Protein backbone atom coordinates (compact mmCIF):
# COMPACT_ATOMS: atom_id res chain seq x y z
CA UNK A 1 35.08 -8.23 -70.22
CA UNK A 2 36.71 -10.46 -68.26
CA UNK A 3 40.09 -9.67 -68.29
CA UNK A 4 42.10 -6.56 -66.17
CA UNK A 5 43.73 -5.91 -69.73
CA UNK A 6 40.47 -5.61 -71.76
CA UNK A 7 38.90 -3.66 -68.30
CA UNK A 8 41.44 -0.68 -68.41
CA UNK A 9 41.82 -0.13 -71.84
CA UNK A 10 38.18 0.56 -71.64
CA UNK A 11 38.02 2.81 -68.87
CA UNK A 12 41.03 4.74 -69.57
CA UNK A 13 39.41 7.17 -72.13
CA UNK A 14 36.25 6.98 -69.88
CA UNK A 15 37.73 8.31 -67.02
CA UNK A 16 40.07 10.70 -68.89
CA UNK A 17 37.97 11.56 -72.38
CA UNK A 18 41.29 10.96 -74.19
CA UNK A 19 41.84 7.94 -76.63
CA UNK A 20 44.30 5.35 -75.92
CA UNK A 21 46.49 6.36 -79.12
CA UNK A 22 46.58 9.96 -77.68
CA UNK A 23 48.84 9.11 -74.42
CA UNK A 24 52.47 9.54 -74.78
CA UNK A 25 54.73 6.96 -73.50
CA UNK A 26 56.10 8.82 -70.49
CA UNK A 27 53.49 10.30 -67.97
CA UNK A 28 53.18 12.97 -65.57
CA UNK A 29 50.82 12.29 -62.76
CA UNK A 30 49.47 15.66 -60.90
CA UNK A 31 46.49 16.42 -58.21
CA UNK A 32 46.45 20.11 -59.40
CA UNK A 33 44.39 21.39 -62.49
CA UNK A 34 46.76 24.50 -62.61
CA UNK A 35 49.90 22.08 -63.77
CA UNK A 36 47.62 20.46 -66.53
CA UNK A 37 46.43 24.29 -67.65
CA UNK A 38 50.41 24.91 -67.45
CA UNK A 39 51.63 22.34 -69.61
CA UNK A 40 48.90 22.80 -72.17
CA UNK A 41 49.82 26.59 -72.60
CA UNK A 42 53.87 25.56 -72.64
CA UNK A 43 53.12 23.32 -75.40
CA UNK A 44 50.03 24.79 -77.10
CA UNK A 45 47.97 21.57 -76.92
CA UNK A 46 44.53 21.05 -76.07
CA UNK A 47 43.20 19.73 -72.50
CA UNK A 48 41.00 16.64 -72.89
CA UNK A 49 38.79 15.23 -70.36
CA UNK A 50 37.51 18.58 -69.03
CA UNK A 51 34.03 16.88 -68.19
CA UNK A 52 35.74 13.96 -66.79
CA UNK A 53 37.33 12.56 -63.34
CA UNK A 54 40.83 13.23 -64.96
CA UNK A 55 42.03 15.89 -67.18
CA UNK A 56 44.99 15.21 -69.52
CA UNK A 57 47.18 17.03 -72.10
CA UNK A 58 50.04 15.30 -74.31
CA UNK A 59 53.09 17.12 -75.99
CA UNK A 60 56.65 15.49 -77.18
CA UNK A 61 55.72 12.02 -76.06
CA UNK A 62 54.90 13.21 -72.35
CA UNK A 63 51.20 13.07 -71.31
CA UNK A 64 50.19 15.02 -68.04
CA UNK A 65 47.22 13.33 -66.00
CA UNK A 66 45.27 15.17 -62.76
CA UNK A 67 44.19 12.13 -61.28
CA UNK A 68 42.22 13.58 -58.10
CA UNK A 69 43.38 13.48 -54.46
CA UNK A 70 44.31 10.43 -52.10
CA UNK A 71 45.47 6.84 -52.57
CA UNK A 72 42.09 5.27 -53.88
CA UNK A 73 42.53 7.53 -57.13
CA UNK A 74 46.14 7.03 -57.28
CA UNK A 75 45.55 3.45 -57.28
CA UNK A 76 43.14 3.82 -59.80
CA UNK A 77 44.93 6.06 -61.98
CA UNK A 78 48.27 3.43 -61.98
CA UNK A 79 45.75 0.62 -62.54
CA UNK A 80 44.21 2.45 -65.74
CA UNK A 81 47.76 3.20 -67.25
CA UNK A 82 48.66 0.01 -67.44
CA UNK A 83 46.13 0.00 -70.67
CA UNK A 84 49.22 2.00 -72.62
CA UNK A 85 52.34 0.08 -70.69
CA UNK A 86 54.07 3.64 -70.09
CA UNK A 87 57.84 3.75 -70.40
CA UNK A 88 57.45 5.44 -67.36
CA UNK A 89 55.43 7.31 -64.68
CA UNK A 90 56.87 10.92 -62.63
CA UNK A 91 54.35 11.93 -59.92
CA UNK A 92 54.85 15.68 -59.45
CA UNK A 93 52.98 15.88 -55.99
CA UNK A 94 53.34 18.09 -52.82
CA UNK A 95 53.73 17.19 -49.15
CA UNK A 96 54.21 18.06 -46.03
CA UNK A 97 57.50 18.42 -44.09
CA UNK A 98 57.83 16.74 -41.19
CA UNK A 99 61.14 17.79 -39.99
CA UNK A 100 62.44 21.44 -38.74
CA UNK A 101 65.04 21.69 -41.62
CA UNK A 102 62.66 21.18 -44.41
CA UNK A 103 61.00 24.43 -45.62
CA UNK A 104 58.30 25.35 -47.84
CA UNK A 105 59.46 25.41 -51.47
CA UNK A 106 61.71 22.73 -50.74
CA UNK A 107 62.18 19.55 -52.90
CA UNK A 108 61.99 15.96 -51.82
CA UNK A 109 63.11 13.30 -53.74
CA UNK A 110 61.72 9.99 -52.06
CA UNK A 111 63.97 6.78 -51.95
CA UNK A 112 61.04 5.07 -50.46
CA UNK A 113 57.59 5.50 -49.07
CA UNK A 114 55.89 4.29 -45.90
CA UNK A 115 52.56 2.40 -46.49
CA UNK A 116 49.88 4.11 -44.01
CA UNK A 117 47.35 4.47 -46.31
CA UNK A 118 46.15 1.03 -46.62
CA UNK A 119 44.86 1.05 -50.35
CA UNK A 120 48.19 -0.76 -51.16
CA UNK A 121 47.22 -3.71 -49.22
CA UNK A 122 44.88 -5.02 -51.82
CA UNK A 123 47.69 -5.08 -54.05
CA UNK A 124 50.86 -6.91 -52.15
CA UNK A 125 51.15 -7.85 -48.70
CA UNK A 126 52.35 -4.99 -46.23
CA UNK A 127 55.78 -6.43 -45.95
CA UNK A 128 56.38 -5.59 -49.65
CA UNK A 129 58.19 -1.67 -50.02
CA UNK A 130 56.90 0.67 -51.65
CA UNK A 131 59.91 1.78 -53.97
CA UNK A 132 60.52 4.18 -56.88
CA UNK A 133 62.39 2.83 -60.36
CA UNK A 134 66.26 3.72 -59.43
CA UNK A 135 66.87 5.17 -62.70
CA UNK A 136 63.97 7.65 -62.75
CA UNK A 137 64.86 8.99 -59.56
CA UNK A 138 68.34 9.47 -60.82
CA UNK A 139 67.38 11.27 -64.13
CA UNK A 140 65.30 13.42 -61.44
CA UNK A 141 68.28 14.12 -59.54
CA UNK A 142 70.12 15.06 -62.58
CA UNK A 143 67.80 17.58 -63.48
CA UNK A 144 67.27 19.40 -60.29
CA UNK A 145 71.07 19.84 -60.19
CA UNK A 146 70.81 21.43 -63.66
CA UNK A 147 68.52 23.94 -61.95
CA UNK A 148 71.00 24.57 -59.69
CA UNK A 149 68.77 23.20 -56.99
CA UNK A 150 69.06 21.19 -53.90
CA UNK A 151 66.96 18.40 -52.77
CA UNK A 152 66.15 16.33 -49.65
CA UNK A 153 65.79 12.33 -49.77
CA UNK A 154 64.22 10.25 -47.34
CA UNK A 155 60.91 7.98 -46.85
CA UNK A 156 57.43 9.55 -47.38
CA UNK A 157 54.76 8.58 -45.01
CA UNK A 158 51.50 7.98 -47.04
CA UNK A 159 48.06 8.23 -45.38
CA UNK A 160 44.45 8.09 -45.75
CA UNK A 161 43.60 10.86 -43.65
CA UNK A 162 43.72 14.63 -44.81
CA UNK A 163 42.74 16.21 -41.45
CA UNK A 164 45.38 14.90 -38.62
CA UNK A 165 47.21 18.26 -38.08
CA UNK A 166 45.29 18.64 -34.61
CA UNK A 167 46.33 14.81 -33.66
CA UNK A 168 49.10 15.06 -31.02
CA UNK A 169 49.44 11.23 -30.91
CA UNK A 170 49.91 10.75 -34.74
CA UNK A 171 52.40 13.70 -34.63
CA UNK A 172 54.55 11.12 -31.90
CA UNK A 173 54.30 8.53 -34.05
CA UNK A 174 55.40 10.56 -37.20
CA UNK A 175 58.46 11.97 -35.44
CA UNK A 176 59.00 8.04 -34.16
CA UNK A 177 59.50 6.87 -37.66
CA UNK A 178 61.40 9.55 -38.63
CA UNK A 179 59.76 10.47 -42.49
CA UNK A 180 60.79 13.41 -44.28
CA UNK A 181 57.53 14.30 -45.39
CA UNK A 182 53.39 13.32 -45.57
CA UNK A 183 51.32 13.17 -48.46
CA UNK A 184 48.24 10.85 -49.76
CA UNK A 185 49.48 8.90 -52.81
CA UNK A 186 53.00 8.41 -53.26
CA UNK A 187 53.39 4.84 -51.60
CA UNK A 188 50.29 3.90 -53.66
CA UNK A 189 51.69 4.87 -56.73
CA UNK A 190 55.02 3.22 -55.88
CA UNK A 191 53.12 -0.10 -54.87
CA UNK A 192 50.75 -0.22 -57.70
CA UNK A 193 53.50 0.69 -60.17
CA UNK A 194 55.63 -2.41 -59.28
CA UNK A 195 52.27 -4.56 -58.99
CA UNK A 196 51.75 -3.50 -63.01
CA UNK A 197 55.31 -3.50 -63.90
CA UNK A 198 55.64 0.11 -64.48
CA UNK A 199 58.45 2.23 -63.92
CA UNK A 200 57.59 5.10 -61.68
CA UNK A 201 59.01 7.98 -59.46
CA UNK A 202 58.12 11.14 -57.46
CA UNK A 203 59.32 14.44 -56.77
CA UNK A 204 57.42 16.31 -54.42
CA UNK A 205 57.57 19.94 -53.41
CA UNK A 206 57.20 20.87 -49.84
CA UNK A 207 53.92 22.87 -49.28
CA UNK A 208 53.41 23.48 -45.56
CA UNK A 209 55.20 22.12 -42.23
CA UNK A 210 52.20 20.71 -40.45
CA UNK A 211 53.69 19.78 -36.96
CA UNK A 212 53.66 23.18 -35.92
CA UNK A 213 49.87 25.24 -35.85
CA UNK A 214 51.45 27.99 -37.48
CA UNK A 215 52.91 25.52 -40.61
CA UNK A 216 49.52 24.32 -41.37
CA UNK A 217 48.61 24.99 -44.93
CA UNK A 218 45.74 27.59 -45.64
CA UNK A 219 44.09 28.92 -48.66
CA UNK A 220 46.43 32.06 -48.34
CA UNK A 221 49.44 30.17 -48.01
CA UNK A 222 48.74 27.37 -50.76
CA UNK A 223 48.04 30.28 -53.25
CA UNK A 224 51.71 31.77 -52.53
CA UNK A 225 53.06 28.51 -52.88
CA UNK A 226 51.60 27.86 -56.29
CA UNK A 227 52.73 31.20 -57.48
CA UNK A 228 56.17 30.91 -56.31
CA UNK A 229 57.14 27.25 -56.73
CA UNK A 230 54.80 25.27 -59.34
CA UNK A 231 56.13 26.43 -62.52
CA UNK A 232 59.45 25.48 -61.62
CA UNK A 233 58.10 21.89 -60.16
CA UNK A 234 56.47 20.98 -63.57
CA UNK A 235 59.62 22.45 -65.48
CA UNK A 236 61.67 20.21 -63.47
CA UNK A 237 59.34 17.17 -64.29
CA UNK A 238 58.98 17.54 -67.75
CA UNK A 239 62.70 18.22 -68.17
CA UNK A 240 63.30 14.64 -66.23
CA UNK A 241 61.16 12.71 -68.45
CA UNK A 242 62.89 14.75 -71.56
CA UNK A 243 66.15 13.60 -70.42
CA UNK A 244 65.09 9.98 -70.58
CA UNK A 245 63.18 10.48 -74.13
CA UNK A 246 66.42 12.16 -75.50
CA UNK A 247 68.98 9.55 -74.17
CA UNK A 248 67.22 6.64 -74.96
CA UNK A 249 67.76 4.87 -71.61
CA UNK A 250 65.23 2.31 -70.41
CA UNK A 251 64.44 2.88 -66.78
CA UNK A 252 62.94 -0.73 -66.56
CA UNK A 253 65.73 -2.42 -64.90
CA UNK A 254 63.67 -4.96 -63.30
CA UNK A 255 61.91 -8.13 -64.47
CA UNK A 256 58.53 -8.21 -63.45
């Protein structure tokens, strides 16, 4: 295999256990197996790739993919999904809220992401911003409002560091850049999606408030957050893509 196209068409089924023809044209990305399980249960469909690095389920032209954690895996899945040329990819992730007014369970609709992870530097120069596709974020906003919920907008800082909550100097830096939240994937998904010509967006659920010791995520708090908010988070993601499918509108308003 010489070309990228050849490689990703071979590797996407290898990583997911899912034939190319089984993928929908619209993709939900997640880091969590329970999202795939809930999706499969909702639509009574099979989960593929249980013994693979990534798991999938497909219904109504939407495929959900659990790709794992971190920017390296985020870049990998965005490269692999270029094999099927999806019409839109929506990332349903969790993030830490960096401002006092942003509470656990709140929703953040990112308008941009800061490339603190480094992985995206292998794709484009650091000056290139990591941005979502406007029309997809617009569809998410519309769906959130249908659920009679409000959301925050702002930038997400994406880092490769998973354990930083003890680092006071890093916290000072996060306050200085005024990001709304922090995660390990959003900037990579936006930037690699742009590189591959894939319309992409994100809807992030605030899972903790890591700027204060009592707000750092624990096993107990994470379980509670999943019980309270995960199903609605997934439902908004599904309905956002169904909104695009049902209207027949293209998300791809830029030429690549």
